[in-house]
All heavy atoms as atom14 arrays in JSON, in Angstrom:
{
  "sequence": "ALNRLSMLMEPRKIYILPGNHDYYHFNISGDERLRGMVEAAGMNWVQ",
  "atom14_mask": [
    [1, 1, 1, 1, 1, 0, 0, 0, 0, 0, 0, 0, 0, 0],
    [1, 1, 1, 1, 1, 1, 1, 1, 0, 0, 0, 0, 0, 0],
    [1, 1, 1, 1, 1, 1, 1, 1, 0, 0, 0, 0, 0, 0],
    [1, 1, 1, 1, 1, 1, 1, 1, 1, 1, 1, 0, 0, 0],
    [1, 1, 1, 1, 1, 1, 1, 1, 0, 0, 0, 0, 0, 0],
    [1, 1, 1, 1, 1, 1, 0, 0, 0, 0, 0, 0, 0, 0],
    [1, 1, 1, 1, 1, 1, 1, 1, 0, 0, 0, 0, 0, 0],
    [1, 1, 1, 1, 1, 1, 1, 1, 0, 0, 0, 0, 0, 0],
    [1, 1, 1, 1, 1, 1, 1, 1, 0, 0, 0, 0, 0, 0],
    [1, 1, 1, 1, 1, 1, 1, 1, 1, 0, 0, 0, 0, 0],
    [1, 1, 1, 1, 1, 1, 1, 0, 0, 0, 0, 0, 0, 0],
    [1, 1, 1, 1, 1, 1, 1, 1, 1, 1, 1, 0, 0, 0],
    [1, 1, 1, 1, 1, 1, 1, 1, 1, 0, 0, 0, 0, 0],
    [1, 1, 1, 1, 1, 1, 1, 1, 0, 0, 0, 0, 0, 0],
    [1, 1, 1, 1, 1, 1, 1, 1, 1, 1, 1, 1, 0, 0],
    [1, 1, 1, 1, 1, 1, 1, 1, 0, 0, 0, 0, 0, 0],
    [1, 1, 1, 1, 1, 1, 1, 1, 0, 0, 0, 0, 0, 0],
    [1, 1, 1, 1, 1, 1, 1, 0, 0, 0, 0, 0, 0, 0],
    [1, 1, 1, 1, 0, 0, 0, 0, 0, 0, 0, 0, 0, 0],
    [1, 1, 1, 1, 1, 1, 1, 1, 0, 0, 0, 0, 0, 0],
    [1, 1, 1, 1, 1, 1, 1, 1, 1, 1, 0, 0, 0, 0],
    [1, 1, 1, 1, 1, 1, 1, 1, 0, 0, 0, 0, 0, 0],
    [1, 1, 1, 1, 1, 1, 1, 1, 1, 1, 1, 1, 0, 0],
    [1, 1, 1, 1, 1, 1, 1, 1, 1, 1, 1, 1, 0, 0],
    [1, 1, 1, 1, 1, 1, 1, 1, 1, 1, 0, 0, 0, 0],
    [1, 1, 1, 1, 1, 1, 1, 1, 1, 1, 1, 0, 0, 0],
    [1, 1, 1, 1, 1, 1, 1, 1, 0, 0, 0, 0, 0, 0],
    [1, 1, 1, 1, 1, 1, 1, 1, 0, 0, 0, 0, 0, 0],
    [1, 1, 1, 1, 1, 1, 0, 0, 0, 0, 0, 0, 0, 0],
    [1, 1, 1, 1, 0, 0, 0, 0, 0, 0, 0, 0, 0, 0],
    [1, 1, 1, 1, 1, 1, 1, 1, 0, 0, 0, 0, 0, 0],
    [1, 1, 1, 1, 1, 1, 1, 1, 1, 0, 0, 0, 0, 0],
    [1, 1, 1, 1, 1, 1, 1, 1, 1, 1, 1, 0, 0, 0],
    [1, 1, 1, 1, 1, 1, 1, 1, 0, 0, 0, 0, 0, 0],
    [1, 1, 1, 1, 1, 1, 1, 1, 1, 1, 1, 0, 0, 0],
    [1, 1, 1, 1, 0, 0, 0, 0, 0, 0, 0, 0, 0, 0],
    [1, 1, 1, 1, 1, 1, 1, 1, 0, 0, 0, 0, 0, 0],
    [1, 1, 1, 1, 1, 1, 1, 0, 0, 0, 0, 0, 0, 0],
    [1, 1, 1, 1, 1, 1, 1, 1, 1, 0, 0, 0, 0, 0],
    [1, 1, 1, 1, 1, 0, 0, 0, 0, 0, 0, 0, 0, 0],
    [1, 1, 1, 1, 1, 0, 0, 0, 0, 0, 0, 0, 0, 0],
    [1, 1, 1, 1, 0, 0, 0, 0, 0, 0, 0, 0, 0, 0],
    [1, 1, 1, 1, 1, 1, 1, 1, 0, 0, 0, 0, 0, 0],
    [1, 1, 1, 1, 1, 1, 1, 1, 0, 0, 0, 0, 0, 0],
    [1, 1, 1, 1, 1, 1, 1, 1, 1, 1, 1, 1, 1, 1],
    [1, 1, 1, 1, 1, 1, 1, 0, 0, 0, 0, 0, 0, 0],
    [1, 1, 1, 1, 1, 1, 1, 1, 1, 0, 0, 0, 0, 0]
  ],
  "atom14_positions": [
    [[8.98, -0.76, 2.44], [8.03, -1.45, 3.3], [7.26, -2.53, 2.54], [7.07, -3.65, 3.04], [7.07, -0.45, 3.93], [0.0, 0.0, 0.0], [0.0, 0.0, 0.0], [0.0, 0.0, 0.0], [0.0, 0.0, 0.0], [0.0, 0.0, 0.0], [0.0, 0.0, 0.0], [0.0, 0.0, 0.0], [0.0, 0.0, 0.0], [0.0, 0.0, 0.0]],
    [[6.8, -2.21, 1.35], [6.07, -3.2, 0.56], [6.97, -4.35, 0.16], [6.54, -5.52, 0.15], [5.47, -2.52, -0.68], [4.38, -1.47, -0.4], [4.04, -0.7, -1.67], [3.12, -2.12, 0.19], [0.0, 0.0, 0.0], [0.0, 0.0, 0.0], [0.0, 0.0, 0.0], [0.0, 0.0, 0.0], [0.0, 0.0, 0.0], [0.0, 0.0, 0.0]],
    [[8.21, -4.05, -0.15], [9.15, -5.11, -0.49], [9.38, -6.04, 0.7], [9.45, -7.26, 0.54], [10.47, -4.51, -0.95], [11.47, -5.57, -1.35], [11.26, -6.33, -2.3], [12.58, -5.66, -0.62], [0.0, 0.0, 0.0], [0.0, 0.0, 0.0], [0.0, 0.0, 0.0], [0.0, 0.0, 0.0], [0.0, 0.0, 0.0], [0.0, 0.0, 0.0]],
    [[9.46, -5.45, 1.91], [9.66, -6.29, 3.1], [8.47, -7.21, 3.31], [8.63, -8.4, 3.63], [9.85, -5.4, 4.34], [10.11, -6.21, 5.63], [11.42, -6.96, 5.55], [11.62, -7.89, 6.66], [11.28, -9.18, 6.65], [10.68, -9.69, 5.56], [11.52, -9.96, 7.67], [0.0, 0.0, 0.0], [0.0, 0.0, 0.0], [0.0, 0.0, 0.0]],
    [[7.25, -6.71, 3.13], [6.08, -7.57, 3.27], [6.08, -8.68, 2.24], [5.67, -9.82, 2.53], [4.8, -6.73, 3.13], [4.51, -5.71, 4.23], [3.2, -4.99, 3.93], [4.45, -6.36, 5.61], [0.0, 0.0, 0.0], [0.0, 0.0, 0.0], [0.0, 0.0, 0.0], [0.0, 0.0, 0.0], [0.0, 0.0, 0.0], [0.0, 0.0, 0.0]],
    [[6.53, -8.38, 1.03], [6.53, -9.39, -0.03], [7.47, -10.54, 0.27], [7.35, -11.62, -0.33], [6.9, -8.75, -1.37], [8.27, -8.43, -1.43], [0.0, 0.0, 0.0], [0.0, 0.0, 0.0], [0.0, 0.0, 0.0], [0.0, 0.0, 0.0], [0.0, 0.0, 0.0], [0.0, 0.0, 0.0], [0.0, 0.0, 0.0], [0.0, 0.0, 0.0]],
    [[8.41, -10.34, 1.2], [9.31, -11.41, 1.59], [8.65, -12.37, 2.59], [9.14, -13.47, 2.81], [10.57, -10.83, 2.23], [11.42, -10.0, 1.29], [12.86, -9.31, 2.17], [13.57, -8.29, 0.85], [0.0, 0.0, 0.0], [0.0, 0.0, 0.0], [0.0, 0.0, 0.0], [0.0, 0.0, 0.0], [0.0, 0.0, 0.0], [0.0, 0.0, 0.0]],
    [[7.54, -11.94, 3.17], [6.86, -12.77, 4.16], [5.9, -13.77, 3.53], [5.73, -14.88, 4.03], [6.06, -11.89, 5.13], [6.84, -10.86, 5.94], [5.88, -10.0, 6.75], [7.85, -11.54, 6.84], [0.0, 0.0, 0.0], [0.0, 0.0, 0.0], [0.0, 0.0, 0.0], [0.0, 0.0, 0.0], [0.0, 0.0, 0.0], [0.0, 0.0, 0.0]],
    [[5.25, -13.35, 2.44], [4.25, -14.2, 1.78], [3.98, -13.65, 0.39], [4.46, -12.58, 0.04], [2.96, -14.26, 2.61], [2.27, -12.92, 2.76], [0.88, -13.01, 3.94], [1.77, -13.3, 5.48], [0.0, 0.0, 0.0], [0.0, 0.0, 0.0], [0.0, 0.0, 0.0], [0.0, 0.0, 0.0], [0.0, 0.0, 0.0], [0.0, 0.0, 0.0]],
    [[3.22, -14.39, -0.37], [2.89, -13.95, -1.73], [2.16, -12.61, -1.67], [1.22, -12.44, -0.88], [2.0, -14.98, -2.42], [2.64, -16.33, -2.65], [1.63, -17.29, -3.26], [1.14, -16.99, -4.38], [1.31, -18.3, -2.62], [0.0, 0.0, 0.0], [0.0, 0.0, 0.0], [0.0, 0.0, 0.0], [0.0, 0.0, 0.0], [0.0, 0.0, 0.0]],
    [[2.57, -11.64, -2.5], [1.93, -10.33, -2.47], [0.42, -10.37, -2.63], [-0.29, -9.55, -2.03], [2.61, -9.58, -3.61], [3.98, -10.21, -3.7], [3.74, -11.67, -3.4], [0.0, 0.0, 0.0], [0.0, 0.0, 0.0], [0.0, 0.0, 0.0], [0.0, 0.0, 0.0], [0.0, 0.0, 0.0], [0.0, 0.0, 0.0], [0.0, 0.0, 0.0]],
    [[-0.11, -11.3, -3.42], [-1.56, -11.35, -3.65], [-2.34, -11.64, -2.36], [-3.56, -11.41, -2.31], [-1.89, -12.39, -4.71], [-1.56, -13.81, -4.3], [-1.9, -14.83, -5.36], [-1.56, -16.2, -4.95], [-2.34, -16.96, -4.21], [-3.53, -16.51, -3.81], [-1.96, -18.17, -3.86], [0.0, 0.0, 0.0], [0.0, 0.0, 0.0], [0.0, 0.0, 0.0]],
    [[-1.67, -12.11, -1.33], [-2.32, -12.41, -0.06], [-2.34, -11.21, 0.89], [-2.87, -11.31, 1.99], [-1.61, -13.58, 0.65], [-1.63, -14.89, -0.11], [-0.89, -15.95, 0.68], [-0.9, -17.31, -0.01], [-0.18, -18.34, 0.78], [0.0, 0.0, 0.0], [0.0, 0.0, 0.0], [0.0, 0.0, 0.0], [0.0, 0.0, 0.0], [0.0, 0.0, 0.0]],
    [[-1.76, -10.09, 0.46], [-1.55, -8.94, 1.34], [-2.51, -7.81, 0.96], [-2.65, -7.46, -0.22], [-0.09, -8.46, 1.27], [0.84, -9.61, 1.71], [0.12, -7.23, 2.15], [2.32, -9.31, 1.51], [0.0, 0.0, 0.0], [0.0, 0.0, 0.0], [0.0, 0.0, 0.0], [0.0, 0.0, 0.0], [0.0, 0.0, 0.0], [0.0, 0.0, 0.0]],
    [[-3.13, -7.2, 1.96], [-4.11, -6.13, 1.79], [-3.67, -4.93, 2.61], [-3.35, -5.07, 3.8], [-5.5, -6.6, 2.23], [-6.03, -7.74, 1.39], [-5.58, -9.06, 1.58], [-6.97, -7.52, 0.39], [-6.05, -10.1, 0.8], [-7.46, -8.56, -0.39], [-6.99, -9.84, -0.18], [-7.45, -10.88, -0.96], [0.0, 0.0, 0.0], [0.0, 0.0, 0.0]],
    [[-3.66, -3.75, 1.99], [-3.15, -2.56, 2.63], [-4.25, -1.5, 2.79], [-4.88, -1.09, 1.81], [-1.99, -1.93, 1.82], [-0.87, -2.96, 1.58], [-1.46, -0.69, 2.52], [-0.13, -3.41, 2.82], [0.0, 0.0, 0.0], [0.0, 0.0, 0.0], [0.0, 0.0, 0.0], [0.0, 0.0, 0.0], [0.0, 0.0, 0.0], [0.0, 0.0, 0.0]],
    [[-4.47, -1.08, 4.02], [-5.39, 0.01, 4.36], [-4.54, 1.15, 4.94], [-3.72, 0.91, 5.82], [-6.4, -0.47, 5.41], [-7.32, 0.58, 6.05], [-8.32, 1.09, 5.03], [-8.03, -0.01, 7.26], [0.0, 0.0, 0.0], [0.0, 0.0, 0.0], [0.0, 0.0, 0.0], [0.0, 0.0, 0.0], [0.0, 0.0, 0.0], [0.0, 0.0, 0.0]],
    [[-4.7, 2.38, 4.47], [-3.85, 3.46, 4.97], [-4.29, 3.98, 6.35], [-5.47, 3.99, 6.68], [-4.01, 4.56, 3.91], [-5.39, 4.34, 3.37], [-5.58, 2.85, 3.38], [0.0, 0.0, 0.0], [0.0, 0.0, 0.0], [0.0, 0.0, 0.0], [0.0, 0.0, 0.0], [0.0, 0.0, 0.0], [0.0, 0.0, 0.0], [0.0, 0.0, 0.0]],
    [[-3.29, 4.38, 7.13], [-3.53, 5.09, 8.38], [-3.06, 6.52, 8.26], [-2.6, 6.95, 7.2], [0.0, 0.0, 0.0], [0.0, 0.0, 0.0], [0.0, 0.0, 0.0], [0.0, 0.0, 0.0], [0.0, 0.0, 0.0], [0.0, 0.0, 0.0], [0.0, 0.0, 0.0], [0.0, 0.0, 0.0], [0.0, 0.0, 0.0], [0.0, 0.0, 0.0]],
    [[-3.12, 7.26, 9.34], [-2.73, 8.67, 9.27], [-1.26, 8.85, 8.89], [-0.9, 9.72, 8.09], [-3.04, 9.37, 10.59], [-2.34, 8.75, 11.79], [-2.37, 7.53, 11.97], [-1.73, 9.57, 12.63], [0.0, 0.0, 0.0], [0.0, 0.0, 0.0], [0.0, 0.0, 0.0], [0.0, 0.0, 0.0], [0.0, 0.0, 0.0], [0.0, 0.0, 0.0]],
    [[-0.37, 8.01, 9.43], [1.06, 8.17, 9.13], [1.37, 7.89, 7.66], [2.4, 8.37, 7.16], [1.89, 7.25, 10.02], [2.16, 7.81, 11.38], [3.36, 8.38, 11.74], [1.36, 7.9, 12.47], [3.3, 8.79, 12.99], [2.1, 8.51, 13.47], [0.0, 0.0, 0.0], [0.0, 0.0, 0.0], [0.0, 0.0, 0.0], [0.0, 0.0, 0.0]],
    [[0.53, 7.16, 6.99], [0.77, 6.86, 5.58], [0.55, 8.08, 4.69], [0.83, 8.02, 3.49], [-0.12, 5.7, 5.14], [0.19, 4.43, 5.89], [1.39, 4.07, 5.96], [-0.74, 3.8, 6.44], [0.0, 0.0, 0.0], [0.0, 0.0, 0.0], [0.0, 0.0, 0.0], [0.0, 0.0, 0.0], [0.0, 0.0, 0.0], [0.0, 0.0, 0.0]],
    [[0.06, 9.17, 5.28], [-0.09, 10.42, 4.55], [0.94, 11.48, 4.98], [0.91, 12.59, 4.45], [-1.5, 10.99, 4.75], [-2.6, 10.09, 4.24], [-3.35, 9.3, 5.11], [-2.92, 10.03, 2.88], [-4.38, 8.48, 4.65], [-3.94, 9.21, 2.41], [-4.66, 8.45, 3.3], [-5.68, 7.63, 2.84], [0.0, 0.0, 0.0], [0.0, 0.0, 0.0]],
    [[1.82, 11.14, 5.92], [2.81, 12.12, 6.38], [3.75, 12.5, 5.23], [4.23, 11.63, 4.5], [3.62, 11.57, 7.55], [2.93, 11.69, 8.89], [1.55, 11.92, 8.99], [3.65, 11.58, 10.08], [0.93, 12.03, 10.23], [3.03, 11.69, 11.31], [1.67, 11.91, 11.39], [1.05, 12.02, 12.61], [0.0, 0.0, 0.0], [0.0, 0.0, 0.0]],
    [[4.01, 13.8, 5.08], [4.8, 14.34, 3.99], [4.16, 13.99, 2.64], [4.86, 13.8, 1.63], [6.25, 13.84, 4.05], [6.92, 14.13, 5.35], [7.3, 15.4, 5.73], [7.23, 13.31, 6.39], [7.84, 15.34, 6.94], [7.8, 14.09, 7.37], [0.0, 0.0, 0.0], [0.0, 0.0, 0.0], [0.0, 0.0, 0.0], [0.0, 0.0, 0.0]],
    [[2.84, 13.92, 2.66], [2.05, 13.57, 1.48], [0.72, 14.32, 1.64], [0.64, 15.27, 2.4], [1.87, 12.05, 1.42], [1.3, 11.51, 0.14], [1.91, 11.79, -1.08], [0.16, 10.72, 0.15], [1.38, 11.3, -2.26], [-0.37, 10.21, -1.02], [0.25, 10.51, -2.24], [0.0, 0.0, 0.0], [0.0, 0.0, 0.0], [0.0, 0.0, 0.0]],
    [[-0.31, 13.9, 0.92], [-1.59, 14.6, 1.01], [-2.75, 13.63, 1.15], [-2.71, 12.51, 0.63], [-1.78, 15.53, -0.19], [-1.93, 14.78, -1.49], [-3.04, 14.39, -1.87], [-0.83, 14.55, -2.19], [0.0, 0.0, 0.0], [0.0, 0.0, 0.0], [0.0, 0.0, 0.0], [0.0, 0.0, 0.0], [0.0, 0.0, 0.0], [0.0, 0.0, 0.0]],
    [[-3.79, 14.09, 1.83], [-4.93, 13.23, 2.16], [-5.73, 12.85, 0.93], [-6.51, 11.88, 0.96], [-5.81, 13.94, 3.2], [-6.7, 12.94, 3.95], [-6.65, 15.03, 2.56], [-5.95, 12.08, 4.9], [0.0, 0.0, 0.0], [0.0, 0.0, 0.0], [0.0, 0.0, 0.0], [0.0, 0.0, 0.0], [0.0, 0.0, 0.0], [0.0, 0.0, 0.0]],
    [[-5.55, 13.57, -0.17], [-6.3, 13.27, -1.4], [-5.49, 12.37, -2.34], [-5.88, 12.19, -3.49], [-6.68, 14.56, -2.11], [-5.54, 15.33, -2.41], [0.0, 0.0, 0.0], [0.0, 0.0, 0.0], [0.0, 0.0, 0.0], [0.0, 0.0, 0.0], [0.0, 0.0, 0.0], [0.0, 0.0, 0.0], [0.0, 0.0, 0.0], [0.0, 0.0, 0.0]],
    [[-4.4, 11.8, -1.84], [-3.5, 11.04, -2.71], [-3.72, 9.55, -2.74], [-2.8, 8.78, -3.07], [0.0, 0.0, 0.0], [0.0, 0.0, 0.0], [0.0, 0.0, 0.0], [0.0, 0.0, 0.0], [0.0, 0.0, 0.0], [0.0, 0.0, 0.0], [0.0, 0.0, 0.0], [0.0, 0.0, 0.0], [0.0, 0.0, 0.0], [0.0, 0.0, 0.0]],
    [[-4.94, 9.09, -2.43], [-5.19, 7.65, -2.36], [-4.91, 6.92, -3.67], [-4.44, 5.78, -3.66], [-6.63, 7.37, -1.92], [-6.78, 7.36, -0.41], [-5.8, 7.65, 0.29], [-7.9, 7.07, 0.07], [0.0, 0.0, 0.0], [0.0, 0.0, 0.0], [0.0, 0.0, 0.0], [0.0, 0.0, 0.0], [0.0, 0.0, 0.0], [0.0, 0.0, 0.0]],
    [[-5.19, 7.55, -4.8], [-4.97, 6.85, -6.06], [-3.48, 6.58, -6.29], [-3.11, 5.54, -6.84], [-5.57, 7.64, -7.22], [-7.08, 7.54, -7.3], [-7.59, 6.1, -7.27], [-7.12, 5.28, -8.1], [-8.42, 5.79, -6.4], [0.0, 0.0, 0.0], [0.0, 0.0, 0.0], [0.0, 0.0, 0.0], [0.0, 0.0, 0.0], [0.0, 0.0, 0.0]],
    [[-2.63, 7.49, -5.86], [-1.19, 7.24, -5.99], [-0.76, 6.11, -5.06], [0.05, 5.26, -5.44], [-0.4, 8.5, -5.7], [1.09, 8.35, -6.02], [1.82, 9.66, -6.07], [3.21, 9.47, -6.45], [4.12, 10.43, -6.44], [3.78, 11.67, -6.1], [5.37, 10.16, -6.78], [0.0, 0.0, 0.0], [0.0, 0.0, 0.0], [0.0, 0.0, 0.0]],
    [[-1.29, 6.1, -3.84], [-0.97, 5.01, -2.91], [-1.5, 3.68, -3.45], [-0.83, 2.66, -3.37], [-1.56, 5.31, -1.54], [-1.02, 6.56, -0.82], [-1.67, 6.69, 0.56], [0.49, 6.54, -0.71], [0.0, 0.0, 0.0], [0.0, 0.0, 0.0], [0.0, 0.0, 0.0], [0.0, 0.0, 0.0], [0.0, 0.0, 0.0], [0.0, 0.0, 0.0]],
    [[-2.72, 3.7, -3.97], [-3.28, 2.48, -4.57], [-2.36, 1.96, -5.68], [-2.1, 0.75, -5.78], [-4.66, 2.76, -5.15], [-5.26, 1.56, -5.89], [-6.38, 1.98, -6.82], [-7.55, 2.42, -6.1], [-8.55, 1.59, -5.73], [-8.48, 0.3, -6.03], [-9.59, 2.07, -5.09], [0.0, 0.0, 0.0], [0.0, 0.0, 0.0], [0.0, 0.0, 0.0]],
    [[-1.85, 2.88, -6.51], [-0.97, 2.47, -7.59], [0.29, 1.8, -7.09], [0.75, 0.81, -7.68], [0.0, 0.0, 0.0], [0.0, 0.0, 0.0], [0.0, 0.0, 0.0], [0.0, 0.0, 0.0], [0.0, 0.0, 0.0], [0.0, 0.0, 0.0], [0.0, 0.0, 0.0], [0.0, 0.0, 0.0], [0.0, 0.0, 0.0], [0.0, 0.0, 0.0]],
    [[0.86, 2.3, -6.0], [2.05, 1.69, -5.43], [1.76, 0.29, -4.91], [2.54, -0.64, -5.12], [2.61, 2.58, -4.31], [3.08, 3.94, -4.77], [3.55, 5.02, -3.39], [5.06, 4.22, -2.85], [0.0, 0.0, 0.0], [0.0, 0.0, 0.0], [0.0, 0.0, 0.0], [0.0, 0.0, 0.0], [0.0, 0.0, 0.0], [0.0, 0.0, 0.0]],
    [[0.62, 0.16, -4.23], [0.24, -1.15, -3.68], [0.0, -2.16, -4.8], [0.49, -3.3, -4.76], [-1.01, -0.99, -2.79], [-1.61, -2.35, -2.44], [-0.67, -0.21, -1.53], [0.0, 0.0, 0.0], [0.0, 0.0, 0.0], [0.0, 0.0, 0.0], [0.0, 0.0, 0.0], [0.0, 0.0, 0.0], [0.0, 0.0, 0.0], [0.0, 0.0, 0.0]],
    [[-0.76, -1.75, -5.8], [-1.08, -2.68, -6.88], [0.13, -3.0, -7.74], [0.26, -4.12, -8.25], [-2.23, -2.11, -7.71], [-3.53, -2.05, -6.9], [-4.71, -1.49, -7.67], [-4.48, -0.93, -8.78], [-5.85, -1.6, -7.16], [0.0, 0.0, 0.0], [0.0, 0.0, 0.0], [0.0, 0.0, 0.0], [0.0, 0.0, 0.0], [0.0, 0.0, 0.0]],
    [[1.06, -2.05, -7.9], [2.29, -2.33, -8.63], [3.13, -3.38, -7.91], [3.89, -4.11, -8.55], [3.09, -1.05, -8.83], [0.0, 0.0, 0.0], [0.0, 0.0, 0.0], [0.0, 0.0, 0.0], [0.0, 0.0, 0.0], [0.0, 0.0, 0.0], [0.0, 0.0, 0.0], [0.0, 0.0, 0.0], [0.0, 0.0, 0.0], [0.0, 0.0, 0.0]],
    [[2.98, -3.46, -6.59], [3.69, -4.47, -5.8], [2.96, -5.81, -5.79], [3.41, -6.76, -5.15], [3.88, -3.97, -4.37], [0.0, 0.0, 0.0], [0.0, 0.0, 0.0], [0.0, 0.0, 0.0], [0.0, 0.0, 0.0], [0.0, 0.0, 0.0], [0.0, 0.0, 0.0], [0.0, 0.0, 0.0], [0.0, 0.0, 0.0], [0.0, 0.0, 0.0]],
    [[1.82, -5.87, -6.49], [1.05, -7.12, -6.57], [0.13, -7.34, -5.39], [-0.42, -8.43, -5.23], [0.0, 0.0, 0.0], [0.0, 0.0, 0.0], [0.0, 0.0, 0.0], [0.0, 0.0, 0.0], [0.0, 0.0, 0.0], [0.0, 0.0, 0.0], [0.0, 0.0, 0.0], [0.0, 0.0, 0.0], [0.0, 0.0, 0.0], [0.0, 0.0, 0.0]],
    [[-0.08, -6.29, -4.58], [-0.9, -6.39, -3.39], [-2.26, -5.72, -3.62], [-2.55, -5.25, -4.72], [-0.17, -5.76, -2.2], [1.17, -6.43, -1.91], [2.1, -5.61, -0.59], [3.7, -6.43, -0.78], [0.0, 0.0, 0.0], [0.0, 0.0, 0.0], [0.0, 0.0, 0.0], [0.0, 0.0, 0.0], [0.0, 0.0, 0.0], [0.0, 0.0, 0.0]],
    [[-3.07, -5.68, -2.59], [-4.45, -5.23, -2.71], [-4.68, -3.99, -1.85], [-4.33, -3.96, -0.67], [-5.41, -6.34, -2.24], [-5.16, -7.65, -2.96], [-5.64, -7.87, -4.06], [-4.39, -8.53, -2.33], [0.0, 0.0, 0.0], [0.0, 0.0, 0.0], [0.0, 0.0, 0.0], [0.0, 0.0, 0.0], [0.0, 0.0, 0.0], [0.0, 0.0, 0.0]],
    [[-5.32, -2.98, -2.44], [-5.65, -1.74, -1.76], [-7.06, -1.86, -1.21], [-7.99, -2.22, -1.95], [-5.54, -0.59, -2.75], [-6.0, 0.75, -2.29], [-7.17, 1.38, -2.61], [-5.28, 1.66, -1.45], [-7.22, 2.63, -2.02], [-6.07, 2.82, -1.3], [-4.04, 1.61, -0.81], [-5.66, 3.92, -0.54], [-3.63, 2.69, -0.05], [-4.44, 3.83, 0.08]],
    [[-7.28, -1.55, 0.07], [-8.6, -1.82, 0.66], [-9.16, -0.62, 1.42], [-9.74, -0.77, 2.49], [-8.58, -3.08, 1.55], [-8.47, -4.32, 0.69], [-7.47, -3.03, 2.6], [0.0, 0.0, 0.0], [0.0, 0.0, 0.0], [0.0, 0.0, 0.0], [0.0, 0.0, 0.0], [0.0, 0.0, 0.0], [0.0, 0.0, 0.0], [0.0, 0.0, 0.0]],
    [[-9.0, 0.57, 0.88], [-9.72, 1.72, 1.43], [-11.18, 1.65, 0.99], [-11.46, 1.59, -0.21], [-9.1, 3.03, 0.94], [-9.76, 4.29, 1.45], [-9.57, 4.5, 2.94], [-10.25, 3.86, 3.73], [-8.65, 5.39, 3.31], [0.0, 0.0, 0.0], [0.0, 0.0, 0.0], [0.0, 0.0, 0.0], [0.0, 0.0, 0.0], [0.0, 0.0, 0.0]]
  ]
}
């Protein structure tokens, strides 16, 4: 999903806020891992 967004515009212009589905098959306390994925893609985490 992050790779698909990066094809639309420069990653630095993209900001990601998690919703409930972004925790499915995951855990609600896992924001730091999600932040790491977003920032590794060059995007911005905005929780």
